[in-house]
Amino acid sequence: MTSPFGRTAAEQAAKQIREKSGVEVPEIGIVLGSGLGGLASDIEDAVTIPFAEIPGFPSATVMGHAGSVVCGLIAGKRVVALAGRFHMYEGHSPQLAAFPVRVMYALGARTYFASNAAGGIRRDLEAGDLMMIEDHLNLTGVNPLTGPVEDTDERFPDMTAPYDEDLRALMKSCAGRLGLSVKSGVYAWLPGPSFETKAEVRMLERLGADAVGMSTVPEVIVARAMGMCVAGISCIANAASGVGGSPVLHADVLDVTARAAAGFQSLVREFIAALPAK
């Protein structure tokens, strides 16, 4: 049985993107999380395609997600970027949540850069901090690889180092050149859409999570199954429940990520510029 979000569907979506944008093989695929879509304005010679015009892509429903694919150049390198993503809490399957990464692979990208907004659990993480993701916890009980294996995938992908160590070192070096303070930590994926309770945050802390969010992990699992190199960064948008003294509000998440966007965008530009040519 053909999966609605497998290789064949990804190739059909990639064909549509290629025809609408004239894009050549991108050197990197990027997903821009909540409030971080401003990077799309840095893309030169940009062609923007609404999700609704791409086979298999639903419309974005989350505030802070533009809902478009943007193809063009950053620092002279070809990129394909999603301004927005698909979440399980919108009613989507984990396979659909990871589908854009399959499309990026079908376009030819072999490096994937994920970004998200997350709640800070570790006490030294403050609102506005950038945290390189060094590992993750999948606490949803689901996996986007469940089902028939795609011929692009490894059936049992190794997840010893899902976030590439060389890419993390490169990102850290880029941050140093820019004078940006970038931390690192473990990202926990919960399904949402409700924010975590104080008890859940205490549990996450004991499990080794430094930050928590509602996305990214299914994308990374599929990227690794296809052999892509992965880098990821979380913008710490708020203190998780019980860590700070204030309620956790999505409007505050967008406000903080908007203020952190300049540093995030400069880091991503520098990182892409420093990527070895393929």
C-alpha atoms as a PDB file:
ATOM      1  CA  MET A   1       0.000   0.000   0.000  1.00  0.00           C
ATOM      2  CA  THR A   2       1.354   3.437  -0.952  1.00  0.00           C
ATOM      3  CA  SER A   3       1.672   5.855   1.936  1.00  0.00           C
ATOM      4  CA  PRO A   4       0.006   9.259   1.418  1.00  0.00           C
ATOM      5  CA  PHE A   5       3.128  10.824   2.942  1.00  0.00           C
ATOM      6  CA  GLY A   6       5.844   8.544   1.581  1.00  0.00           C
ATOM      7  CA  ARG A   7       8.444   8.768  -1.168  1.00  0.00           C
ATOM      8  CA  THR A   8       6.007   8.869  -4.101  1.00  0.00           C
ATOM      9  CA  ALA A   9       3.929  11.662  -2.551  1.00  0.00           C
ATOM     10  CA  ALA A  10       7.107  13.557  -1.650  1.00  0.00           C
ATOM     11  CA  GLU A  11       8.334  13.339  -5.240  1.00  0.00           C
ATOM     12  CA  GLN A  12       5.023  14.693  -6.520  1.00  0.00           C
ATOM     13  CA  ALA A  13       5.209  17.635  -4.112  1.00  0.00           C
ATOM     14  CA  ALA A  14       8.855  18.242  -5.028  1.00  0.00           C
ATOM     15  CA  LYS A  15       7.944  18.240  -8.729  1.00  0.00           C
ATOM     16  CA  GLN A  16       5.343  20.951  -8.115  1.00  0.00           C
ATOM     17  CA  ILE A  17       7.801  23.065  -6.116  1.00  0.00           C
ATOM     18  CA  ARG A  18      10.434  22.641  -8.819  1.00  0.00           C
ATOM     19  CA  GLU A  19       8.014  23.690 -11.573  1.00  0.00           C
ATOM     20  CA  LYS A  20       6.743  26.739  -9.680  1.00  0.00           C
ATOM     21  CA  SER A  21      10.130  27.941  -8.439  1.00  0.00           C
ATOM     22  CA  GLY A  22      12.642  26.726 -10.999  1.00  0.00           C
ATOM     23  CA  VAL A  23      14.713  25.678  -7.985  1.00  0.00           C
ATOM     24  CA  GLU A  24      17.906  23.745  -8.542  1.00  0.00           C
ATOM     25  CA  VAL A  25      19.031  21.173  -5.999  1.00  0.00           C
ATOM     26  CA  PRO A  26      18.997  22.923  -2.590  1.00  0.00           C
ATOM     27  CA  GLU A  27      22.032  22.547  -0.355  1.00  0.00           C
ATOM     28  CA  ILE A  28      19.965  22.744   2.816  1.00  0.00           C
ATOM     29  CA  GLY A  29      16.347  22.447   3.881  1.00  0.00           C
ATOM     30  CA  ILE A  30      15.093  24.630   6.739  1.00  0.00           C
ATOM     31  CA  VAL A  31      11.932  24.641   8.841  1.00  0.00           C
ATOM     32  CA  LEU A  32      11.196  27.915  10.624  1.00  0.00           C
ATOM     33  CA  GLY A  33       9.294  27.542  13.883  1.00  0.00           C
ATOM     34  CA  SER A  34       6.867  29.802  15.721  1.00  0.00           C
ATOM     35  CA  GLY A  35       7.810  33.452  15.368  1.00  0.00           C
ATOM     36  CA  LEU A  36      11.037  32.653  13.489  1.00  0.00           C
ATOM     37  CA  GLY A  37       9.728  32.998   9.953  1.00  0.00           C
ATOM     38  CA  GLY A  38      11.480  36.340   9.467  1.00  0.00           C
ATOM     39  CA  LEU A  39      14.481  34.471   8.080  1.00  0.00           C
ATOM     40  CA  ALA A  40      12.435  33.972   4.919  1.00  0.00           C
ATOM     41  CA  SER A  41      12.909  37.681   4.177  1.00  0.00           C
ATOM     42  CA  ASP A  42      16.680  37.084   4.047  1.00  0.00           C
ATOM     43  CA  ILE A  43      16.308  34.673   1.129  1.00  0.00           C
ATOM     44  CA  GLU A  44      17.500  36.270  -2.120  1.00  0.00           C
ATOM     45  CA  ASP A  45      15.864  35.652  -5.500  1.00  0.00           C
ATOM     46  CA  ALA A  46      13.030  34.198  -3.455  1.00  0.00           C
ATOM     47  CA  VAL A  47      10.058  32.353  -4.872  1.00  0.00           C
ATOM     48  CA  THR A  48       7.237  31.877  -2.348  1.00  0.00           C
ATOM     49  CA  ILE A  49       4.698  29.076  -2.740  1.00  0.00           C
ATOM     50  CA  PRO A  50       1.707  28.830  -0.370  1.00  0.00           C
ATOM     51  CA  PHE A  51       1.226  25.433   1.245  1.00  0.00           C
ATOM     52  CA  ALA A  52      -2.189  25.204  -0.431  1.00  0.00           C
ATOM     53  CA  GLU A  53      -0.498  24.980  -3.858  1.00  0.00           C
ATOM     54  CA  ILE A  54       1.668  21.974  -2.926  1.00  0.00           C
ATOM     55  CA  PRO A  55       0.219  18.438  -3.125  1.00  0.00           C
ATOM     56  CA  GLY A  56      -0.106  16.852   0.308  1.00  0.00           C
ATOM     57  CA  PHE A  57       0.413  20.092   2.239  1.00  0.00           C
ATOM     58  CA  PRO A  58      -2.477  21.292   4.417  1.00  0.00           C
ATOM     59  CA  SER A  59      -2.852  24.951   5.271  1.00  0.00           C
ATOM     60  CA  ALA A  60      -1.014  26.257   8.327  1.00  0.00           C
ATOM     61  CA  THR A  61      -3.377  27.003  11.208  1.00  0.00           C
ATOM     62  CA  VAL A  62      -1.026  28.211  13.942  1.00  0.00           C
ATOM     63  CA  MET A  63      -0.438  31.887  14.692  1.00  0.00           C
ATOM     64  CA  GLY A  64       3.197  32.714  13.894  1.00  0.00           C
ATOM     65  CA  HIS A  65       3.383  30.252  10.969  1.00  0.00           C
ATOM     66  CA  ALA A  66       3.078  31.895   7.542  1.00  0.00           C
ATOM     67  CA  GLY A  67       2.331  28.645   5.743  1.00  0.00           C
ATOM     68  CA  SER A  68       4.578  28.835   2.687  1.00  0.00           C
ATOM     69  CA  VAL A  69       7.623  27.292   1.050  1.00  0.00           C
ATOM     70  CA  VAL A  70      10.341  29.763   0.080  1.00  0.00           C
ATOM     71  CA  CYS A  71      13.097  28.824  -2.384  1.00  0.00           C
ATOM     72  CA  GLY A  72      16.150  30.946  -3.137  1.00  0.00           C
ATOM     73  CA  LEU A  73      19.630  31.827  -1.908  1.00  0.00           C
ATOM     74  CA  ILE A  74      21.185  32.571   1.477  1.00  0.00           C
ATOM     75  CA  ALA A  75      24.877  33.469   1.471  1.00  0.00           C
ATOM     76  CA  GLY A  76      25.092  32.223  -2.094  1.00  0.00           C
ATOM     77  CA  LYS A  77      23.785  28.765  -1.232  1.00  0.00           C
ATOM     78  CA  ARG A  78      20.510  27.328  -2.520  1.00  0.00           C
ATOM     79  CA  VAL A  79      17.934  26.764   0.217  1.00  0.00           C
ATOM     80  CA  VAL A  80      14.371  25.564   0.541  1.00  0.00           C
ATOM     81  CA  ALA A  81      12.635  26.873   3.665  1.00  0.00           C
ATOM     82  CA  LEU A  82       9.265  26.234   5.231  1.00  0.00           C
ATOM     83  CA  ALA A  83       7.788  29.264   6.974  1.00  0.00           C
ATOM     84  CA  GLY A  84       5.680  27.143   9.297  1.00  0.00           C
ATOM     85  CA  ARG A  85       5.185  23.444   9.918  1.00  0.00           C
ATOM     86  CA  PHE A  86       2.536  20.796  10.623  1.00  0.00           C
ATOM     87  CA  HIS A  87       1.882  19.651  14.201  1.00  0.00           C
ATOM     88  CA  MET A  88       0.149  16.617  15.638  1.00  0.00           C
ATOM     89  CA  TYR A  89      -1.958  18.894  17.827  1.00  0.00           C
ATOM     90  CA  GLU A  90      -3.602  20.246  14.667  1.00  0.00           C
ATOM     91  CA  GLY A  91      -4.928  16.729  14.096  1.00  0.00           C
ATOM     92  CA  HIS A  92      -2.133  15.619  11.765  1.00  0.00           C
ATOM     93  CA  SER A  93      -0.369  12.264  11.880  1.00  0.00           C
ATOM     94  CA  PRO A  94       3.336  12.078  12.748  1.00  0.00           C
ATOM     95  CA  GLN A  95       3.895  10.976   9.130  1.00  0.00           C
ATOM     96  CA  LEU A  96       2.415  14.258   7.874  1.00  0.00           C
ATOM     97  CA  ALA A  97       4.366  16.244  10.468  1.00  0.00           C
ATOM     98  CA  ALA A  98       7.556  14.825   8.944  1.00  0.00           C
ATOM     99  CA  PHE A  99       6.393  14.956   5.311  1.00  0.00           C
ATOM    100  CA  PRO A 100       8.075  18.294   4.426  1.00  0.00           C
ATOM    101  CA  VAL A 101      11.461  16.759   5.210  1.00  0.00           C
ATOM    102  CA  ARG A 102      10.724  13.979   2.734  1.00  0.00           C
ATOM    103  CA  VAL A 103       9.915  16.671   0.172  1.00  0.00           C
ATOM    104  CA  MET A 104      13.207  18.456   0.894  1.00  0.00           C
ATOM    105  CA  TYR A 105      15.025  15.155   0.382  1.00  0.00           C
ATOM    106  CA  ALA A 106      13.165  14.587  -2.892  1.00  0.00           C
ATOM    107  CA  LEU A 107      14.320  18.048  -4.013  1.00  0.00           C
ATOM    108  CA  GLY A 108      17.894  16.941  -3.330  1.00  0.00           C
ATOM    109  CA  ALA A 109      18.676  18.502   0.070  1.00  0.00           C
ATOM    110  CA  ARG A 110      20.888  16.303   2.251  1.00  0.00           C
ATOM    111  CA  THR A 111      21.240  18.686   5.201  1.00  0.00           C
ATOM    112  CA  TYR A 112      18.272  19.616   7.377  1.00  0.00           C
ATOM    113  CA  PHE A 113      18.090  22.562   9.784  1.00  0.00           C
ATOM    114  CA  ALA A 114      15.205  22.596  12.270  1.00  0.00           C
ATOM    115  CA  SER A 115      14.162  25.518  14.446  1.00  0.00           C
ATOM    116  CA  ASN A 116      11.455  25.886  17.032  1.00  0.00           C
ATOM    117  CA  ALA A 117      10.219  27.871  19.997  1.00  0.00           C
ATOM    118  CA  ALA A 118      10.512  25.987  23.275  1.00  0.00           C
ATOM    119  CA  GLY A 119       9.909  26.335  26.977  1.00  0.00           C
ATOM    120  CA  GLY A 120      13.042  26.454  29.101  1.00  0.00           C
ATOM    121  CA  ILE A 121      13.333  23.855  31.864  1.00  0.00           C
ATOM    122  CA  ARG A 122      17.010  24.110  32.816  1.00  0.00           C
ATOM    123  CA  ARG A 123      17.447  27.000  35.192  1.00  0.00           C
ATOM    124  CA  ASP A 124      20.156  28.808  33.199  1.00  0.00           C
ATOM    125  CA  LEU A 125      17.933  29.039  30.106  1.00  0.00           C
ATOM    126  CA  GLU A 126      16.189  32.395  29.864  1.00  0.00           C
ATOM    127  CA  ALA A 127      13.568  33.780  27.493  1.00  0.00           C
ATOM    128  CA  GLY A 128      15.310  34.848  24.291  1.00  0.00           C
ATOM    129  CA  ASP A 129      18.213  32.376  24.592  1.00  0.00           C
ATOM    130  CA  LEU A 130      19.207  30.235  21.624  1.00  0.00           C
ATOM    131  CA  MET A 131      19.804  26.566  22.443  1.00  0.00           C
ATOM    132  CA  MET A 132      21.483  24.182  20.032  1.00  0.00           C
ATOM    133  CA  ILE A 133      19.678  20.846  20.207  1.00  0.00           C
ATOM    134  CA  GLU A 134      22.163  18.110  21.072  1.00  0.00           C
ATOM    135  CA  ASP A 135      19.642  15.311  21.628  1.00  0.00           C
ATOM    136  CA  HIS A 136      15.920  14.794  22.102  1.00  0.00           C
ATOM    137  CA  LEU A 137      13.295  12.856  24.030  1.00  0.00           C
ATOM    138  CA  ASN A 138      10.278  11.528  22.119  1.00  0.00           C
ATOM    139  CA  LEU A 139       7.595  11.344  24.812  1.00  0.00           C
ATOM    140  CA  THR A 140       4.545  11.183  22.527  1.00  0.00           C
ATOM    141  CA  GLY A 141       4.370   7.406  22.157  1.00  0.00           C
ATOM    142  CA  VAL A 142       4.321   7.668  18.345  1.00  0.00           C
ATOM    143  CA  ASN A 143       6.941   7.456  15.603  1.00  0.00           C
ATOM    144  CA  PRO A 144       6.677   8.758  12.012  1.00  0.00           C
ATOM    145  CA  LEU A 145       8.413   5.617  10.704  1.00  0.00           C
ATOM    146  CA  THR A 146       5.598   3.338  11.869  1.00  0.00           C
ATOM    147  CA  GLY A 147       4.190   1.409   8.909  1.00  0.00           C
ATOM    148  CA  PRO A 148       5.676  -0.002   5.704  1.00  0.00           C
ATOM    149  CA  VAL A 149       9.305   1.000   5.225  1.00  0.00           C
ATOM    150  CA  GLU A 150       9.973   3.540   2.453  1.00  0.00           C
ATOM    151  CA  ASP A 151      12.734   2.645   0.003  1.00  0.00           C
ATOM    152  CA  THR A 152      14.509   5.889   0.918  1.00  0.00           C
ATOM    153  CA  ASP A 153      14.623   4.866   4.587  1.00  0.00           C
ATOM    154  CA  GLU A 154      16.662   2.677   6.843  1.00  0.00           C
ATOM    155  CA  ARG A 155      14.236   0.451   8.750  1.00  0.00           C
ATOM    156  CA  PHE A 156      16.042   0.818  12.095  1.00  0.00           C
ATOM    157  CA  PRO A 157      17.978   4.104  11.917  1.00  0.00           C
ATOM    158  CA  ASP A 158      20.687   4.682  14.504  1.00  0.00           C
ATOM    159  CA  MET A 159      19.787   7.602  16.769  1.00  0.00           C
ATOM    160  CA  THR A 160      22.996   7.718  18.806  1.00  0.00           C
ATOM    161  CA  ALA A 161      23.709  11.189  17.445  1.00  0.00           C
ATOM    162  CA  PRO A 162      20.577  12.491  15.676  1.00  0.00           C
ATOM    163  CA  TYR A 163      21.971  16.048  15.661  1.00  0.00           C
ATOM    164  CA  ASP A 164      25.265  16.072  13.785  1.00  0.00           C
ATOM    165  CA  GLU A 165      28.249  16.856  16.020  1.00  0.00           C
ATOM    166  CA  ASP A 166      30.221  18.551  13.236  1.00  0.00           C
ATOM    167  CA  LEU A 167      27.272  20.816  12.410  1.00  0.00           C
ATOM    168  CA  ARG A 168      26.906  21.727  16.092  1.00  0.00           C
ATOM    169  CA  ALA A 169      30.594  22.584  16.278  1.00  0.00           C
ATOM    170  CA  LEU A 170      30.256  24.716  13.159  1.00  0.00           C
ATOM    171  CA  MET A 171      27.233  26.514  14.619  1.00  0.00           C
ATOM    172  CA  LYS A 172      29.091  27.190  17.860  1.00  0.00           C
ATOM    173  CA  SER A 173      32.025  28.600  15.907  1.00  0.00           C
ATOM    174  CA  CYS A 174      29.671  30.835  13.899  1.00  0.00           C
ATOM    175  CA  ALA A 175      28.034  32.098  17.090  1.00  0.00           C
ATOM    176  CA  GLY A 176      31.460  32.941  18.498  1.00  0.00           C
ATOM    177  CA  ARG A 177      32.360  34.986  15.420  1.00  0.00           C
ATOM    178  CA  LEU A 178      29.107  36.906  15.791  1.00  0.00           C
ATOM    179  CA  GLY A 179      29.516  37.441  19.528  1.00  0.00           C
ATOM    180  CA  LEU A 180      26.300  35.500  20.210  1.00  0.00           C
ATOM    181  CA  SER A 181      25.842  33.385  23.307  1.00  0.00           C
ATOM    182  CA  VAL A 182      24.419  30.018  22.260  1.00  0.00           C
ATOM    183  CA  LYS A 183      23.711  27.267  24.768  1.00  0.00           C
ATOM    184  CA  SER A 184      23.032  23.597  24.117  1.00  0.00           C
ATOM    185  CA  GLY A 185      20.695  21.008  25.561  1.00  0.00           C
ATOM    186  CA  VAL A 186      18.133  18.236  25.220  1.00  0.00           C
ATOM    187  CA  TYR A 187      14.737  18.973  23.655  1.00  0.00           C
ATOM    188  CA  ALA A 188      11.662  17.025  24.786  1.00  0.00           C
ATOM    189  CA  TRP A 189       8.759  16.512  22.377  1.00  0.00           C
ATOM    190  CA  LEU A 190       5.242  16.383  23.820  1.00  0.00           C
ATOM    191  CA  PRO A 191       2.130  16.417  21.619  1.00  0.00           C
ATOM    192  CA  GLY A 192       0.394  19.540  22.987  1.00  0.00           C
ATOM    193  CA  PRO A 193      -1.597  21.660  22.398  1.00  0.00           C
ATOM    194  CA  SER A 194      -1.888  22.376  26.109  1.00  0.00           C
ATOM    195  CA  PHE A 195       1.248  23.661  27.784  1.00  0.00           C
ATOM    196  CA  GLU A 196       2.777  21.423  30.423  1.00  0.00           C
ATOM    197  CA  THR A 197       1.708  21.284  34.059  1.00  0.00           C
ATOM    198  CA  LYS A 198       4.162  21.968  36.851  1.00  0.00           C
ATOM    199  CA  ALA A 199       4.255  18.259  37.659  1.00  0.00           C
ATOM    200  CA  GLU A 200       4.997  17.388  34.024  1.00  0.00           C
ATOM    201  CA  VAL A 201       7.844  19.882  33.952  1.00  0.00           C
ATOM    202  CA  ARG A 202       9.311  18.363  37.136  1.00  0.00           C
ATOM    203  CA  MET A 203       9.082  14.952  35.431  1.00  0.00           C
ATOM    204  CA  LEU A 204      10.799  16.272  32.297  1.00  0.00           C
ATOM    205  CA  GLU A 205      13.591  17.784  34.357  1.00  0.00           C
ATOM    206  CA  ARG A 206      14.230  14.441  36.058  1.00  0.00           C
ATOM    207  CA  LEU A 207      14.247  12.696  32.685  1.00  0.00           C
ATOM    208  CA  GLY A 208      17.039  14.985  31.483  1.00  0.00           C
ATOM    209  CA  ALA A 209      15.122  17.483  29.342  1.00  0.00           C
ATOM    210  CA  ASP A 210      16.448  21.037  29.150  1.00  0.00           C
ATOM    211  CA  ALA A 211      13.620  22.442  27.006  1.00  0.00           C
ATOM    212  CA  VAL A 212      10.209  21.271  25.848  1.00  0.00           C
ATOM    213  CA  GLY A 213       8.119  21.831  22.741  1.00  0.00           C
ATOM    214  CA  MET A 214       5.509  20.359  20.406  1.00  0.00           C
ATOM    215  CA  SER A 215       7.379  19.757  17.141  1.00  0.00           C
ATOM    216  CA  THR A 216      10.676  18.980  15.368  1.00  0.00           C
ATOM    217  CA  VAL A 217      11.319  15.414  16.559  1.00  0.00           C
ATOM    218  CA  PRO A 218       9.255  13.601  13.871  1.00  0.00           C
ATOM    219  CA  GLU A 219      11.061  15.640  11.224  1.00  0.00           C
ATOM    220  CA  VAL A 220      14.445  14.696  12.661  1.00  0.00           C
ATOM    221  CA  ILE A 221      13.581  10.991  12.928  1.00  0.00           C
ATOM    222  CA  VAL A 222      12.609  10.842   9.254  1.00  0.00           C
ATOM    223  CA  ALA A 223      15.620  12.932   8.196  1.00  0.00           C
ATOM    224  CA  ARG A 224      17.943  10.511   9.946  1.00  0.00           C
ATOM    225  CA  ALA A 225      16.150   7.483   8.472  1.00  0.00           C
ATOM    226  CA  MET A 226      16.928   8.938   5.019  1.00  0.00           C
ATOM    227  CA  GLY A 227      20.552   9.643   5.956  1.00  0.00           C
ATOM    228  CA  MET A 228      20.320  13.441   6.143  1.00  0.00           C
ATOM    229  CA  CYS A 229      22.649  15.426   8.392  1.00  0.00           C
ATOM    230  CA  VAL A 230      20.640  17.381  10.968  1.00  0.00           C
ATOM    231  CA  ALA A 231      21.157  20.547  12.977  1.00  0.00           C
ATOM    232  CA  GLY A 232      18.585  22.109  15.259  1.00  0.00           C
ATOM    233  CA  ILE A 233      18.106  25.161  17.410  1.00  0.00           C
ATOM    234  CA  SER A 234      15.441  26.151  19.924  1.00  0.00           C
ATOM    235  CA  CYS A 235      14.565  29.729  20.738  1.00  0.00           C
ATOM    236  CA  ILE A 236      13.730  29.650  24.432  1.00  0.00           C
ATOM    237  CA  ALA A 237      10.501  31.604  24.416  1.00  0.00           C
ATOM    238  CA  ASN A 238       9.480  31.280  28.050  1.00  0.00           C
ATOM    239  CA  ALA A 239      10.210  29.513  31.306  1.00  0.00           C
ATOM    240  CA  ALA A 240       8.262  26.273  31.406  1.00  0.00           C
ATOM    241  CA  SER A 241       5.398  25.956  33.877  1.00  0.00           C
ATOM    242  CA  GLY A 242       6.636  26.102  37.442  1.00  0.00           C
ATOM    243  CA  VAL A 243      10.125  27.282  36.461  1.00  0.00           C
ATOM    244  CA  GLY A 244       9.063  30.908  36.201  1.00  0.00           C
ATOM    245  CA  GLY A 245       6.329  32.612  38.136  1.00  0.00           C
ATOM    246  CA  SER A 246       4.121  33.609  35.200  1.00  0.00           C
ATOM    247  CA  PRO A 247       1.476  31.746  33.190  1.00  0.00           C
ATOM    248  CA  VAL A 248       2.660  30.330  29.840  1.00  0.00           C
ATOM    249  CA  LEU A 249       0.910  32.143  26.962  1.00  0.00           C
ATOM    250  CA  HIS A 250       1.352  31.649  23.207  1.00  0.00           C
ATOM    251  CA  ALA A 251       1.238  35.429  22.660  1.00  0.00           C
ATOM    252  CA  ASP A 252       4.285  35.761  24.915  1.00  0.00           C
ATOM    253  CA  VAL A 253       6.049  33.036  22.909  1.00  0.00           C
ATOM    254  CA  LEU A 254       5.588  35.042  19.707  1.00  0.00           C
ATOM    255  CA  ASP A 255       6.692  38.249  21.408  1.00  0.00           C
ATOM    256  CA  VAL A 256       9.939  36.718  22.684  1.00  0.00           C
ATOM    257  CA  THR A 257      10.793  34.976  19.417  1.00  0.00           C
ATOM    258  CA  ALA A 258      10.224  38.237  17.540  1.00  0.00           C
ATOM    259  CA  ARG A 259      12.747  39.938  19.835  1.00  0.00           C
ATOM    260  CA  ALA A 260      15.231  37.064  19.457  1.00  0.00           C
ATOM    261  CA  ALA A 261      14.784  36.874  15.684  1.00  0.00           C
ATOM    262  CA  ALA A 262      17.685  39.150  14.752  1.00  0.00           C
ATOM    263  CA  GLY A 263      20.233  36.984  16.551  1.00  0.00           C
ATOM    264  CA  PHE A 264      18.670  33.811  15.209  1.00  0.00           C
ATOM    265  CA  GLN A 265      18.685  35.083  11.633  1.00  0.00           C
ATOM    266  CA  SER A 266      22.291  36.285  11.794  1.00  0.00           C
ATOM    267  CA  LEU A 267      23.372  32.913  13.201  1.00  0.00           C
ATOM    268  CA  VAL A 268      21.569  30.935  10.511  1.00  0.00           C
ATOM    269  CA  ARG A 269      23.012  33.155   7.750  1.00  0.00           C
ATOM    270  CA  GLU A 270      26.524  32.716   9.132  1.00  0.00           C
ATOM    271  CA  PHE A 271      26.007  28.986   9.546  1.00  0.00           C
ATOM    272  CA  ILE A 272      24.776  28.509   5.976  1.00  0.00           C
ATOM    273  CA  ALA A 273      27.642  30.601   4.624  1.00  0.00           C
ATOM    274  CA  ALA A 274      30.101  28.376   6.496  1.00  0.00           C
ATOM    275  CA  LEU A 275      28.630  25.075   5.329  1.00  0.00           C
ATOM    276  CA  PRO A 276      31.102  23.157   3.160  1.00  0.00           C
ATOM    277  CA  ALA A 277      30.106  23.244  -0.497  1.00  0.00           C
ATOM    278  CA  LYS A 278      28.516  20.010  -1.726  1.00  0.00           C
END
